Amino acid sequence: MTASTPIHRVPDDPTSRQALALAGVFQAASLVDELARTGQVDQRAWDTLIRATLDTNPESFEAIYGGHPNNLRRGIEVLDAVIGRKQANPVVLRYGFSLLLLMNKLRTNDAMMSDLGTRLTRIQGQAEHFGETHENVIASLGEAYQETLSTLKTRIVVQGDPSLLQSRMMPERVRAILLAGIRFALLWHQQGGRRWKLVFQRGALKKAVDQLG
């Protein structure tokens, strides 16, 4: 985020922050599905997730997602469907909840958390040199996911067009976005998010999502 990026203030309460973090998780899930099926991706949604993954020490909570909830619009729409009990893509939901499960495994693995932190610090240097969304950076993010989270017993199996999934840079792009989903899942947990709250505090979460517009 640059100094000139406008900040859109959202209600500064734990539930609103949890909603935004969870929207990041579901945005990642939605982009993985889109990539795997079409090979294309919403650029604004993609840029937001990659930048959030690289920014491990943001100046504010809002800075994580670029200062405006519309940067997480794709994820907000999925989250709204989840908590509003509307019809949502079951594949996207599976990816999203799998990311939350994977995050919990990572959170209790200190060695892997440390390894990921070291890798991200190195990749930040790459991003400063090449640019945040350069394919060298994406490849490194994908490698970081593959060599850490992909080694856990809980794994995310991505469905889609086999020829697309095997095309150049596609595995790296998918893994980079899965890593972004983990980044937002960790953020959700840090803000007090828990799986049981999706059931027992659905009303409060729905109100927070509605306020995001």
N, C-alpha and C. Protein backbone atom coordinates (compact mmCIF):
# COMPACT_ATOMS: atom_id res chain seq x y z
N MET A 1 0.84 -1.19 0.00
CA MET A 1 0.00 0.00 0.00
C MET A 1 0.88 1.24 0.00
N THR A 2 0.58 2.17 -0.83
CA THR A 2 1.35 3.40 -0.88
C THR A 2 0.77 4.40 0.10
N ALA A 3 1.54 5.45 0.35
CA ALA A 3 1.10 6.47 1.32
C ALA A 3 -0.17 7.16 0.87
N SER A 4 -0.42 7.15 -0.44
CA SER A 4 -1.58 7.87 -0.96
C SER A 4 -2.84 7.00 -1.04
N THR A 5 -2.72 5.71 -0.69
CA THR A 5 -3.88 4.82 -0.76
C THR A 5 -4.92 5.25 0.26
N PRO A 6 -6.16 5.51 -0.16
CA PRO A 6 -7.18 5.94 0.79
C PRO A 6 -7.59 4.81 1.72
N ILE A 7 -7.79 5.16 2.97
CA ILE A 7 -8.22 4.18 3.96
C ILE A 7 -9.73 4.32 4.16
N HIS A 8 -10.43 3.23 3.99
CA HIS A 8 -11.87 3.20 4.24
C HIS A 8 -12.07 2.61 5.62
N ARG A 9 -12.45 3.42 6.57
CA ARG A 9 -12.58 2.94 7.94
C ARG A 9 -13.81 2.05 8.09
N VAL A 10 -13.57 0.87 8.64
CA VAL A 10 -14.69 -0.02 8.97
C VAL A 10 -14.86 0.03 10.48
N PRO A 11 -16.02 -0.40 10.99
CA PRO A 11 -16.21 -0.40 12.44
C PRO A 11 -15.06 -1.14 13.13
N ASP A 12 -14.43 -0.47 14.08
CA ASP A 12 -13.24 -1.03 14.72
C ASP A 12 -13.65 -1.92 15.90
N ASP A 13 -14.15 -3.08 15.58
CA ASP A 13 -14.54 -4.03 16.62
C ASP A 13 -14.08 -5.41 16.19
N PRO A 14 -13.93 -6.33 17.13
CA PRO A 14 -13.40 -7.65 16.80
C PRO A 14 -14.19 -8.40 15.72
N THR A 15 -15.51 -8.29 15.76
CA THR A 15 -16.31 -9.05 14.80
C THR A 15 -16.10 -8.54 13.38
N SER A 16 -16.00 -7.23 13.20
CA SER A 16 -15.75 -6.67 11.87
C SER A 16 -14.38 -7.11 11.34
N ARG A 17 -13.41 -7.13 12.21
CA ARG A 17 -12.07 -7.57 11.80
C ARG A 17 -12.07 -9.05 11.46
N GLN A 18 -12.79 -9.83 12.25
CA GLN A 18 -12.90 -11.25 11.95
C GLN A 18 -13.57 -11.47 10.60
N ALA A 19 -14.60 -10.67 10.32
CA ALA A 19 -15.32 -10.80 9.05
C ALA A 19 -14.40 -10.50 7.88
N LEU A 20 -13.59 -9.46 7.98
CA LEU A 20 -12.68 -9.10 6.90
C LEU A 20 -11.59 -10.16 6.71
N ALA A 21 -11.07 -10.67 7.82
CA ALA A 21 -10.05 -11.71 7.71
C ALA A 21 -10.63 -12.98 7.09
N LEU A 22 -11.83 -13.32 7.50
CA LEU A 22 -12.49 -14.50 6.96
C LEU A 22 -12.82 -14.30 5.47
N ALA A 23 -13.16 -13.07 5.11
CA ALA A 23 -13.39 -12.76 3.69
C ALA A 23 -12.12 -13.02 2.89
N GLY A 24 -10.96 -12.72 3.47
CA GLY A 24 -9.69 -13.00 2.80
C GLY A 24 -9.50 -14.49 2.55
N VAL A 25 -9.89 -15.30 3.54
CA VAL A 25 -9.80 -16.75 3.39
C VAL A 25 -10.67 -17.22 2.23
N PHE A 26 -11.92 -16.77 2.21
CA PHE A 26 -12.85 -17.22 1.17
C PHE A 26 -12.52 -16.60 -0.20
N GLN A 27 -11.88 -15.44 -0.19
CA GLN A 27 -11.43 -14.87 -1.47
C GLN A 27 -10.35 -15.76 -2.07
N ALA A 28 -9.44 -16.21 -1.23
CA ALA A 28 -8.40 -17.14 -1.70
C ALA A 28 -9.04 -18.42 -2.23
N ALA A 29 -10.02 -18.94 -1.50
CA ALA A 29 -10.70 -20.17 -1.93
C ALA A 29 -11.37 -19.97 -3.28
N SER A 30 -12.01 -18.82 -3.46
CA SER A 30 -12.70 -18.51 -4.71
C SER A 30 -11.72 -18.37 -5.88
N LEU A 31 -10.57 -17.74 -5.62
CA LEU A 31 -9.59 -17.56 -6.70
C LEU A 31 -8.93 -18.87 -7.09
N VAL A 32 -8.71 -19.74 -6.12
CA VAL A 32 -8.16 -21.06 -6.43
C VAL A 32 -9.10 -21.80 -7.36
N ASP A 33 -10.39 -21.75 -7.06
CA ASP A 33 -11.39 -22.42 -7.90
C ASP A 33 -11.41 -21.81 -9.30
N GLU A 34 -11.35 -20.48 -9.36
CA GLU A 34 -11.38 -19.79 -10.65
C GLU A 34 -10.15 -20.13 -11.49
N LEU A 35 -8.99 -20.13 -10.86
CA LEU A 35 -7.76 -20.47 -11.56
C LEU A 35 -7.81 -21.89 -12.10
N ALA A 36 -8.25 -22.82 -11.25
CA ALA A 36 -8.23 -24.23 -11.61
C ALA A 36 -9.22 -24.55 -12.73
N ARG A 37 -10.29 -23.80 -12.81
CA ARG A 37 -11.31 -24.07 -13.83
C ARG A 37 -11.12 -23.29 -15.12
N THR A 38 -10.62 -22.04 -15.01
CA THR A 38 -10.56 -21.16 -16.18
C THR A 38 -9.15 -20.70 -16.55
N GLY A 39 -8.23 -20.78 -15.61
CA GLY A 39 -6.89 -20.27 -15.85
C GLY A 39 -6.78 -18.77 -15.72
N GLN A 40 -7.92 -18.11 -15.46
CA GLN A 40 -7.96 -16.65 -15.31
C GLN A 40 -8.21 -16.30 -13.84
N VAL A 41 -8.01 -15.03 -13.51
CA VAL A 41 -8.23 -14.62 -12.14
C VAL A 41 -8.57 -13.13 -12.11
N ASP A 42 -9.40 -12.74 -11.15
CA ASP A 42 -9.73 -11.33 -10.94
C ASP A 42 -8.47 -10.62 -10.43
N GLN A 43 -7.98 -9.66 -11.20
CA GLN A 43 -6.68 -9.06 -10.90
C GLN A 43 -6.65 -8.32 -9.57
N ARG A 44 -7.69 -7.55 -9.29
CA ARG A 44 -7.71 -6.79 -8.03
C ARG A 44 -7.72 -7.74 -6.83
N ALA A 45 -8.53 -8.79 -6.93
CA ALA A 45 -8.60 -9.76 -5.84
C ALA A 45 -7.26 -10.47 -5.66
N TRP A 46 -6.63 -10.80 -6.78
CA TRP A 46 -5.32 -11.47 -6.77
C TRP A 46 -4.26 -10.57 -6.13
N ASP A 47 -4.15 -9.33 -6.63
CA ASP A 47 -3.14 -8.40 -6.11
C ASP A 47 -3.29 -8.19 -4.61
N THR A 48 -4.53 -8.07 -4.15
CA THR A 48 -4.79 -7.85 -2.73
C THR A 48 -4.24 -9.00 -1.90
N LEU A 49 -4.49 -10.23 -2.33
CA LEU A 49 -4.05 -11.39 -1.56
C LEU A 49 -2.53 -11.54 -1.56
N ILE A 50 -1.91 -11.33 -2.71
CA ILE A 50 -0.45 -11.48 -2.78
C ILE A 50 0.24 -10.42 -1.92
N ARG A 51 -0.25 -9.18 -2.01
CA ARG A 51 0.37 -8.11 -1.21
C ARG A 51 0.19 -8.35 0.29
N ALA A 52 -0.96 -8.87 0.66
CA ALA A 52 -1.21 -9.17 2.08
C ALA A 52 -0.26 -10.25 2.58
N THR A 53 0.04 -11.23 1.73
CA THR A 53 0.94 -12.31 2.12
C THR A 53 2.36 -11.80 2.32
N LEU A 54 2.76 -10.87 1.48
CA LEU A 54 4.12 -10.33 1.56
C LEU A 54 4.28 -9.34 2.70
N ASP A 55 3.20 -8.67 3.08
CA ASP A 55 3.27 -7.64 4.13
C ASP A 55 3.06 -8.29 5.49
N THR A 56 4.14 -8.80 6.07
CA THR A 56 4.04 -9.51 7.35
C THR A 56 4.08 -8.56 8.55
N ASN A 57 4.34 -7.29 8.29
CA ASN A 57 4.37 -6.31 9.39
C ASN A 57 3.63 -5.04 8.96
N PRO A 58 2.31 -5.15 8.74
CA PRO A 58 1.54 -4.01 8.24
C PRO A 58 1.44 -2.88 9.25
N GLU A 59 1.30 -1.66 8.74
CA GLU A 59 1.23 -0.49 9.62
C GLU A 59 -0.10 -0.40 10.35
N SER A 60 -1.12 -1.07 9.83
CA SER A 60 -2.44 -1.08 10.48
C SER A 60 -3.20 -2.30 9.98
N PHE A 61 -4.30 -2.59 10.63
CA PHE A 61 -5.14 -3.71 10.18
C PHE A 61 -5.64 -3.44 8.76
N GLU A 62 -6.09 -2.22 8.51
CA GLU A 62 -6.63 -1.88 7.18
C GLU A 62 -5.59 -2.03 6.08
N ALA A 63 -4.34 -1.77 6.43
CA ALA A 63 -3.27 -1.84 5.43
C ALA A 63 -3.10 -3.25 4.88
N ILE A 64 -3.48 -4.24 5.65
CA ILE A 64 -3.31 -5.64 5.23
C ILE A 64 -4.03 -5.90 3.91
N TYR A 65 -5.25 -5.36 3.78
CA TYR A 65 -6.02 -5.63 2.57
C TYR A 65 -6.10 -4.42 1.64
N GLY A 66 -5.20 -3.46 1.85
CA GLY A 66 -5.10 -2.34 0.92
C GLY A 66 -6.01 -1.17 1.24
N GLY A 67 -6.63 -1.16 2.42
CA GLY A 67 -7.34 0.02 2.87
C GLY A 67 -8.81 0.12 2.52
N HIS A 68 -9.33 -0.76 1.67
CA HIS A 68 -10.75 -0.67 1.32
C HIS A 68 -11.36 -2.07 1.23
N PRO A 69 -12.52 -2.28 1.87
CA PRO A 69 -13.16 -3.61 1.84
C PRO A 69 -13.43 -4.14 0.43
N ASN A 70 -13.59 -3.23 -0.55
CA ASN A 70 -13.84 -3.70 -1.91
C ASN A 70 -12.69 -4.54 -2.47
N ASN A 71 -11.51 -4.40 -1.89
CA ASN A 71 -10.39 -5.25 -2.29
C ASN A 71 -10.64 -6.71 -1.90
N LEU A 72 -11.56 -6.90 -0.97
CA LEU A 72 -11.94 -8.25 -0.53
C LEU A 72 -13.38 -8.57 -0.93
N ARG A 73 -13.89 -7.86 -1.93
CA ARG A 73 -15.29 -8.00 -2.31
C ARG A 73 -15.66 -9.43 -2.66
N ARG A 74 -14.80 -10.11 -3.41
CA ARG A 74 -15.08 -11.49 -3.80
C ARG A 74 -15.28 -12.36 -2.55
N GLY A 75 -14.40 -12.21 -1.59
CA GLY A 75 -14.50 -13.00 -0.37
C GLY A 75 -15.67 -12.62 0.50
N ILE A 76 -15.99 -11.32 0.53
CA ILE A 76 -17.13 -10.86 1.31
C ILE A 76 -18.43 -11.48 0.78
N GLU A 77 -18.53 -11.57 -0.55
CA GLU A 77 -19.74 -12.15 -1.14
C GLU A 77 -19.88 -13.63 -0.80
N VAL A 78 -18.76 -14.36 -0.81
CA VAL A 78 -18.81 -15.77 -0.43
C VAL A 78 -19.18 -15.91 1.05
N LEU A 79 -18.54 -15.09 1.89
CA LEU A 79 -18.83 -15.15 3.32
C LEU A 79 -20.28 -14.81 3.61
N ASP A 80 -20.82 -13.84 2.89
CA ASP A 80 -22.23 -13.47 3.07
C ASP A 80 -23.14 -14.65 2.75
N ALA A 81 -22.78 -15.40 1.72
CA ALA A 81 -23.58 -16.59 1.37
C ALA A 81 -23.47 -17.66 2.45
N VAL A 82 -22.28 -17.82 3.01
CA VAL A 82 -22.06 -18.84 4.05
C VAL A 82 -22.90 -18.54 5.29
N ILE A 83 -22.79 -17.32 5.79
CA ILE A 83 -23.48 -17.02 7.05
C ILE A 83 -24.95 -16.70 6.85
N GLY A 84 -25.32 -16.37 5.60
CA GLY A 84 -26.72 -16.11 5.29
C GLY A 84 -27.46 -17.36 4.84
N ARG A 85 -26.73 -18.48 4.87
CA ARG A 85 -27.30 -19.78 4.46
C ARG A 85 -27.85 -19.74 3.04
N LYS A 86 -27.16 -18.97 2.19
CA LYS A 86 -27.55 -18.94 0.78
C LYS A 86 -26.72 -19.99 0.03
N GLN A 87 -27.10 -20.20 -1.21
CA GLN A 87 -26.38 -21.18 -2.01
C GLN A 87 -25.00 -20.64 -2.36
N ALA A 88 -24.00 -21.44 -2.10
CA ALA A 88 -22.62 -21.05 -2.42
C ALA A 88 -21.94 -22.24 -3.09
N ASN A 89 -20.92 -21.96 -3.86
CA ASN A 89 -20.16 -22.99 -4.55
C ASN A 89 -19.56 -23.95 -3.53
N PRO A 90 -19.97 -25.23 -3.53
CA PRO A 90 -19.48 -26.16 -2.52
C PRO A 90 -17.97 -26.40 -2.59
N VAL A 91 -17.40 -26.28 -3.78
CA VAL A 91 -15.95 -26.45 -3.92
C VAL A 91 -15.22 -25.31 -3.23
N VAL A 92 -15.71 -24.09 -3.42
CA VAL A 92 -15.11 -22.92 -2.77
C VAL A 92 -15.23 -23.05 -1.24
N LEU A 93 -16.37 -23.50 -0.77
CA LEU A 93 -16.56 -23.69 0.67
C LEU A 93 -15.59 -24.73 1.20
N ARG A 94 -15.42 -25.80 0.46
CA ARG A 94 -14.49 -26.85 0.91
C ARG A 94 -13.07 -26.30 1.02
N TYR A 95 -12.65 -25.54 0.01
CA TYR A 95 -11.31 -24.93 0.07
C TYR A 95 -11.20 -24.00 1.28
N GLY A 96 -12.23 -23.18 1.49
CA GLY A 96 -12.18 -22.21 2.58
C GLY A 96 -12.07 -22.86 3.94
N PHE A 97 -12.92 -23.83 4.20
CA PHE A 97 -12.89 -24.49 5.51
C PHE A 97 -11.65 -25.36 5.66
N SER A 98 -11.13 -25.89 4.55
CA SER A 98 -9.88 -26.64 4.59
C SER A 98 -8.71 -25.73 4.96
N LEU A 99 -8.74 -24.49 4.47
CA LEU A 99 -7.70 -23.52 4.83
C LEU A 99 -7.72 -23.23 6.32
N LEU A 100 -8.91 -23.12 6.90
CA LEU A 100 -9.01 -22.88 8.35
C LEU A 100 -8.46 -24.07 9.13
N LEU A 101 -8.75 -25.27 8.65
CA LEU A 101 -8.25 -26.48 9.31
C LEU A 101 -6.73 -26.56 9.20
N LEU A 102 -6.22 -26.25 8.02
CA LEU A 102 -4.77 -26.28 7.79
C LEU A 102 -4.06 -25.23 8.65
N MET A 103 -4.68 -24.06 8.77
CA MET A 103 -4.11 -23.01 9.62
C MET A 103 -3.95 -23.49 11.06
N ASN A 104 -4.93 -24.22 11.57
CA ASN A 104 -4.85 -24.72 12.94
C ASN A 104 -3.70 -25.69 13.11
N LYS A 105 -3.43 -26.50 12.08
CA LYS A 105 -2.29 -27.41 12.13
C LYS A 105 -0.98 -26.62 12.14
N LEU A 106 -0.91 -25.60 11.29
CA LEU A 106 0.30 -24.77 11.20
C LEU A 106 0.54 -24.03 12.50
N ARG A 107 -0.52 -23.50 13.08
CA ARG A 107 -0.41 -22.64 14.26
C ARG A 107 0.27 -23.34 15.43
N THR A 108 0.12 -24.65 15.49
CA THR A 108 0.70 -25.42 16.60
C THR A 108 2.06 -26.02 16.24
N ASN A 109 2.55 -25.69 15.04
CA ASN A 109 3.83 -26.22 14.58
C ASN A 109 4.85 -25.08 14.55
N ASP A 110 5.53 -24.89 15.67
CA ASP A 110 6.44 -23.75 15.80
C ASP A 110 7.56 -23.75 14.77
N ALA A 111 8.09 -24.93 14.48
CA ALA A 111 9.20 -25.03 13.54
C ALA A 111 8.76 -24.59 12.14
N MET A 112 7.57 -25.02 11.74
CA MET A 112 7.08 -24.66 10.41
C MET A 112 6.73 -23.17 10.35
N MET A 113 6.17 -22.65 11.42
CA MET A 113 5.87 -21.21 11.47
C MET A 113 7.15 -20.40 11.31
N SER A 114 8.20 -20.82 11.98
CA SER A 114 9.48 -20.12 11.90
C SER A 114 10.07 -20.23 10.50
N ASP A 115 9.97 -21.41 9.91
CA ASP A 115 10.48 -21.63 8.56
C ASP A 115 9.75 -20.74 7.56
N LEU A 116 8.43 -20.68 7.68
CA LEU A 116 7.64 -19.83 6.79
C LEU A 116 8.03 -18.36 6.94
N GLY A 117 8.23 -17.93 8.18
CA GLY A 117 8.62 -16.55 8.42
C GLY A 117 9.94 -16.21 7.75
N THR A 118 10.90 -17.12 7.85
CA THR A 118 12.21 -16.92 7.22
C THR A 118 12.08 -16.85 5.70
N ARG A 119 11.26 -17.74 5.15
CA ARG A 119 11.06 -17.76 3.71
C ARG A 119 10.40 -16.47 3.22
N LEU A 120 9.40 -16.01 3.96
CA LEU A 120 8.69 -14.79 3.55
C LEU A 120 9.61 -13.57 3.61
N THR A 121 10.49 -13.53 4.58
CA THR A 121 11.45 -12.42 4.66
C THR A 121 12.33 -12.39 3.42
N ARG A 122 12.76 -13.57 2.99
CA ARG A 122 13.59 -13.65 1.78
C ARG A 122 12.78 -13.25 0.54
N ILE A 123 11.53 -13.68 0.48
CA ILE A 123 10.69 -13.38 -0.68
C ILE A 123 10.36 -11.88 -0.74
N GLN A 124 10.27 -11.24 0.42
CA GLN A 124 10.05 -9.79 0.44
C GLN A 124 11.18 -9.07 -0.29
N GLY A 125 12.39 -9.57 -0.12
CA GLY A 125 13.54 -8.99 -0.84
C GLY A 125 13.39 -9.16 -2.34
N GLN A 126 12.90 -10.33 -2.75
CA GLN A 126 12.63 -10.56 -4.16
C GLN A 126 11.58 -9.58 -4.69
N ALA A 127 10.54 -9.39 -3.90
CA ALA A 127 9.43 -8.52 -4.31
C ALA A 127 9.90 -7.08 -4.48
N GLU A 128 10.81 -6.65 -3.61
CA GLU A 128 11.35 -5.29 -3.72
C GLU A 128 12.15 -5.13 -5.02
N HIS A 129 12.77 -6.20 -5.44
CA HIS A 129 13.60 -6.15 -6.66
C HIS A 129 12.76 -6.30 -7.93
N PHE A 130 11.87 -7.30 -7.95
CA PHE A 130 11.12 -7.63 -9.17
C PHE A 130 9.73 -7.00 -9.23
N GLY A 131 9.13 -6.73 -8.08
CA GLY A 131 7.73 -6.32 -8.02
C GLY A 131 6.92 -7.41 -7.34
N GLU A 132 5.87 -7.01 -6.65
CA GLU A 132 5.15 -7.95 -5.77
C GLU A 132 4.49 -9.10 -6.51
N THR A 133 4.04 -8.89 -7.73
CA THR A 133 3.32 -9.95 -8.43
C THR A 133 4.13 -10.54 -9.60
N HIS A 134 5.44 -10.29 -9.59
CA HIS A 134 6.31 -10.87 -10.62
C HIS A 134 6.30 -12.39 -10.48
N GLU A 135 6.46 -13.10 -11.60
CA GLU A 135 6.35 -14.55 -11.53
C GLU A 135 7.45 -15.19 -10.68
N ASN A 136 8.60 -14.55 -10.55
CA ASN A 136 9.64 -15.09 -9.65
C ASN A 136 9.16 -15.08 -8.20
N VAL A 137 8.44 -14.02 -7.83
CA VAL A 137 7.90 -13.90 -6.48
C VAL A 137 6.79 -14.94 -6.27
N ILE A 138 5.91 -15.06 -7.26
CA ILE A 138 4.83 -16.04 -7.18
C ILE A 138 5.39 -17.46 -7.08
N ALA A 139 6.43 -17.73 -7.85
CA ALA A 139 7.06 -19.05 -7.80
C ALA A 139 7.63 -19.33 -6.41
N SER A 140 8.23 -18.32 -5.81
CA SER A 140 8.81 -18.49 -4.47
C SER A 140 7.72 -18.69 -3.42
N LEU A 141 6.61 -17.95 -3.54
CA LEU A 141 5.49 -18.14 -2.61
C LEU A 141 4.91 -19.55 -2.76
N GLY A 142 4.79 -20.00 -4.01
CA GLY A 142 4.29 -21.35 -4.24
C GLY A 142 5.21 -22.40 -3.66
N GLU A 143 6.51 -22.19 -3.82
CA GLU A 143 7.49 -23.11 -3.27
C GLU A 143 7.42 -23.13 -1.74
N ALA A 144 7.23 -21.96 -1.14
CA ALA A 144 7.12 -21.89 0.32
C ALA A 144 5.94 -22.72 0.82
N TYR A 145 4.82 -22.63 0.11
CA TYR A 145 3.65 -23.43 0.48
C TYR A 145 3.94 -24.92 0.30
N GLN A 146 4.52 -25.27 -0.85
CA GLN A 146 4.76 -26.67 -1.18
C GLN A 146 5.70 -27.33 -0.17
N GLU A 147 6.72 -26.61 0.27
CA GLU A 147 7.73 -27.21 1.12
C GLU A 147 7.39 -27.12 2.61
N THR A 148 6.28 -26.48 2.93
CA THR A 148 5.87 -26.42 4.34
C THR A 148 4.47 -27.03 4.50
N LEU A 149 3.46 -26.28 4.15
CA LEU A 149 2.09 -26.71 4.40
C LEU A 149 1.70 -27.97 3.62
N SER A 150 2.27 -28.14 2.43
CA SER A 150 1.94 -29.33 1.64
C SER A 150 2.48 -30.62 2.25
N THR A 151 3.38 -30.49 3.22
CA THR A 151 3.94 -31.69 3.85
C THR A 151 3.08 -32.19 5.01
N LEU A 152 2.08 -31.41 5.42
CA LEU A 152 1.20 -31.83 6.51
C LEU A 152 0.23 -32.91 6.02
N LYS A 153 -0.26 -33.71 6.96
CA LYS A 153 -1.20 -34.77 6.59
C LYS A 153 -2.50 -34.18 6.04
N THR A 154 -2.93 -33.06 6.61
CA THR A 154 -4.11 -32.37 6.09
C THR A 154 -3.71 -31.59 4.86
N ARG A 155 -4.21 -32.00 3.70
CA ARG A 155 -3.82 -31.35 2.46
C ARG A 155 -5.06 -30.92 1.68
N ILE A 156 -4.90 -29.90 0.87
CA ILE A 156 -6.00 -29.41 0.04
C ILE A 156 -5.81 -29.94 -1.38
N VAL A 157 -6.76 -30.73 -1.83
CA VAL A 157 -6.72 -31.27 -3.20
C VAL A 157 -7.55 -30.34 -4.09
N VAL A 158 -6.89 -29.74 -5.07
CA VAL A 158 -7.55 -28.77 -5.94
C VAL A 158 -8.15 -29.48 -7.16
N GLN A 159 -9.42 -29.21 -7.41
CA GLN A 159 -10.12 -29.76 -8.57
C GLN A 159 -10.14 -28.73 -9.69
N GLY A 160 -10.13 -29.20 -10.92
CA GLY A 160 -10.21 -28.27 -12.05
C GLY A 160 -9.86 -28.93 -13.35
N ASP A 161 -9.53 -28.14 -14.33
CA ASP A 161 -9.14 -28.62 -15.65
C ASP A 161 -7.70 -29.16 -15.57
N PRO A 162 -7.49 -30.47 -15.74
CA PRO A 162 -6.15 -31.04 -15.59
C PRO A 162 -5.10 -30.37 -16.48
N SER A 163 -5.49 -30.02 -17.70
CA SER A 163 -4.52 -29.38 -18.60
C SER A 163 -4.13 -28.00 -18.09
N LEU A 164 -5.08 -27.29 -17.51
CA LEU A 164 -4.77 -25.97 -16.93
C LEU A 164 -3.89 -26.11 -15.70
N LEU A 165 -4.23 -27.07 -14.85
CA LEU A 165 -3.49 -27.24 -13.60
C LEU A 165 -2.04 -27.65 -13.85
N GLN A 166 -1.76 -28.21 -15.03
CA GLN A 166 -0.40 -28.62 -15.36
C GLN A 166 0.33 -27.61 -16.23
N SER A 167 -0.36 -26.51 -16.57
CA SER A 167 0.26 -25.53 -17.45
C SER A 167 1.31 -24.70 -16.71
N ARG A 168 2.10 -23.99 -17.46
CA ARG A 168 3.22 -23.24 -16.88
C ARG A 168 2.75 -22.24 -15.81
N MET A 169 3.40 -22.27 -14.69
CA MET A 169 3.17 -21.36 -13.56
C MET A 169 1.84 -21.59 -12.84
N MET A 170 0.99 -22.47 -13.35
CA MET A 170 -0.30 -22.64 -12.69
C MET A 170 -0.17 -23.28 -11.30
N PRO A 171 0.63 -24.35 -11.12
CA PRO A 171 0.77 -24.89 -9.77
C PRO A 171 1.29 -23.85 -8.78
N GLU A 172 2.25 -23.05 -9.24
CA GLU A 172 2.82 -22.02 -8.36
C GLU A 172 1.77 -20.96 -8.00
N ARG A 173 0.97 -20.56 -8.96
CA ARG A 173 -0.07 -19.55 -8.71
C ARG A 173 -1.12 -20.07 -7.73
N VAL A 174 -1.52 -21.31 -7.93
CA VAL A 174 -2.50 -21.91 -7.01
C VAL A 174 -1.94 -21.98 -5.60
N ARG A 175 -0.70 -22.45 -5.48
CA ARG A 175 -0.10 -22.57 -4.14
C ARG A 175 0.12 -21.20 -3.49
N ALA A 176 0.47 -20.20 -4.30
CA ALA A 176 0.65 -18.86 -3.75
C ALA A 176 -0.65 -18.32 -3.16
N ILE A 177 -1.76 -18.60 -3.84
CA ILE A 177 -3.06 -18.14 -3.34
C ILE A 177 -3.49 -18.94 -2.12
N LEU A 178 -3.18 -20.23 -2.10
CA LEU A 178 -3.47 -21.02 -0.89
C LEU A 178 -2.68 -20.47 0.31
N LEU A 179 -1.44 -20.06 0.06
CA LEU A 179 -0.64 -19.46 1.13
C LEU A 179 -1.28 -18.16 1.61
N ALA A 180 -1.82 -17.39 0.67
CA ALA A 180 -2.53 -16.16 1.04
C ALA A 180 -3.74 -16.49 1.90
N GLY A 181 -4.44 -17.57 1.57
CA GLY A 181 -5.58 -17.99 2.38
C GLY A 181 -5.16 -18.33 3.79
N ILE A 182 -4.00 -18.96 3.94
CA ILE A 182 -3.47 -19.28 5.26
C ILE A 182 -3.12 -18.01 6.02
N ARG A 183 -2.57 -17.02 5.30
CA ARG A 183 -2.23 -15.74 5.94
C ARG A 183 -3.47 -15.09 6.55
N PHE A 184 -4.59 -15.11 5.80
CA PHE A 184 -5.83 -14.52 6.31
C PHE A 184 -6.47 -15.41 7.37
N ALA A 185 -6.29 -16.70 7.28
CA ALA A 185 -6.82 -17.61 8.31
C ALA A 185 -6.10 -17.36 9.64
N LEU A 186 -4.80 -17.16 9.58
CA LEU A 186 -4.05 -16.83 10.80
C LEU A 186 -4.50 -15.48 11.35
N LEU A 187 -4.73 -14.53 10.46
CA LEU A 187 -5.22 -13.21 10.88
C LEU A 187 -6.58 -13.34 11.57
N TRP A 188 -7.45 -14.16 11.00
CA TRP A 188 -8.77 -14.41 11.58
C TRP A 188 -8.64 -14.96 12.99
N HIS A 189 -7.74 -15.91 13.18
CA HIS A 189 -7.53 -16.50 14.51
C HIS A 189 -6.95 -15.46 15.47
N GLN A 190 -6.01 -14.65 14.98
CA GLN A 190 -5.39 -13.61 15.82
C GLN A 190 -6.42 -12.59 16.29
N GLN A 191 -7.46 -12.38 15.49
CA GLN A 191 -8.52 -11.42 15.83
C GLN A 191 -9.63 -12.07 16.66
N GLY A 192 -9.42 -13.31 17.08
CA GLY A 192 -10.39 -13.97 17.93
C GLY A 192 -11.36 -14.87 17.20
N GLY A 193 -11.13 -15.09 15.90
CA GLY A 193 -12.02 -15.94 15.12
C GLY A 193 -11.88 -17.41 15.49
N ARG A 194 -12.99 -18.09 15.62
CA ARG A 194 -13.01 -19.52 15.93
C ARG A 194 -14.11 -20.18 15.12
N ARG A 195 -13.94 -21.47 14.80
CA ARG A 195 -14.93 -22.16 13.98
C ARG A 195 -16.32 -22.14 14.62
N TRP A 196 -16.38 -22.31 15.94
CA TRP A 196 -17.68 -22.38 16.61
C TRP A 196 -18.45 -21.07 16.50
N LYS A 197 -17.71 -19.97 16.34
CA LYS A 197 -18.38 -18.67 16.23
C LYS A 197 -19.17 -18.54 14.92
N LEU A 198 -18.75 -19.31 13.91
CA LEU A 198 -19.48 -19.29 12.65
C LEU A 198 -20.89 -19.86 12.82
N VAL A 199 -21.06 -20.66 13.85
CA VAL A 199 -22.37 -21.25 14.14
C VAL A 199 -23.12 -20.44 15.18
N PHE A 200 -22.44 -20.16 16.31
CA PHE A 200 -23.13 -19.58 17.46
C PHE A 200 -23.16 -18.05 17.46
N GLN A 201 -22.33 -17.43 16.64
CA GLN A 201 -22.36 -15.97 16.55
C GLN A 201 -22.62 -15.52 15.11
N ARG A 202 -23.41 -16.33 14.41
CA ARG A 202 -23.71 -16.07 13.01
C ARG A 202 -24.37 -14.70 12.82
N GLY A 203 -25.29 -14.34 13.74
CA GLY A 203 -26.01 -13.07 13.61
C GLY A 203 -25.09 -11.87 13.69
N ALA A 204 -24.17 -11.90 14.65
CA ALA A 204 -23.23 -10.78 14.81
C ALA A 204 -22.31 -10.68 13.59
N LEU A 205 -21.89 -11.82 13.08
CA LEU A 205 -21.02 -11.83 11.91
C LEU A 205 -21.76 -11.32 10.68
N LYS A 206 -23.04 -11.70 10.55
CA LYS A 206 -23.85 -11.26 9.43
C LYS A 206 -24.02 -9.73 9.46
N LYS A 207 -24.23 -9.20 10.65
CA LYS A 207 -24.39 -7.74 10.80
C LYS A 207 -23.08 -7.04 10.39
N ALA A 208 -21.95 -7.61 10.78
CA ALA A 208 -20.66 -7.01 10.44
C ALA A 208 -20.44 -7.03 8.92
N VAL A 209 -20.81 -8.14 8.29
CA VAL A 209 -20.66 -8.25 6.83
C VAL A 209 -21.57 -7.24 6.13
N ASP A 210 -22.79 -7.10 6.61
CA ASP A 210 -23.73 -6.12 6.02
C ASP A 210 -23.19 -4.71 6.08
N GLN A 211 -22.47 -4.38 7.17
CA GLN A 211 -21.92 -3.04 7.34
C GLN A 211 -20.75 -2.77 6.40
N LEU A 212 -20.17 -3.84 5.85
CA LEU A 212 -19.09 -3.68 4.90
C LEU A 212 -19.61 -3.28 3.52
N GLY A 213 -20.93 -3.30 3.38
CA GLY A 213 -21.55 -2.84 2.13
C GLY A 213 -21.52 -3.88 1.05
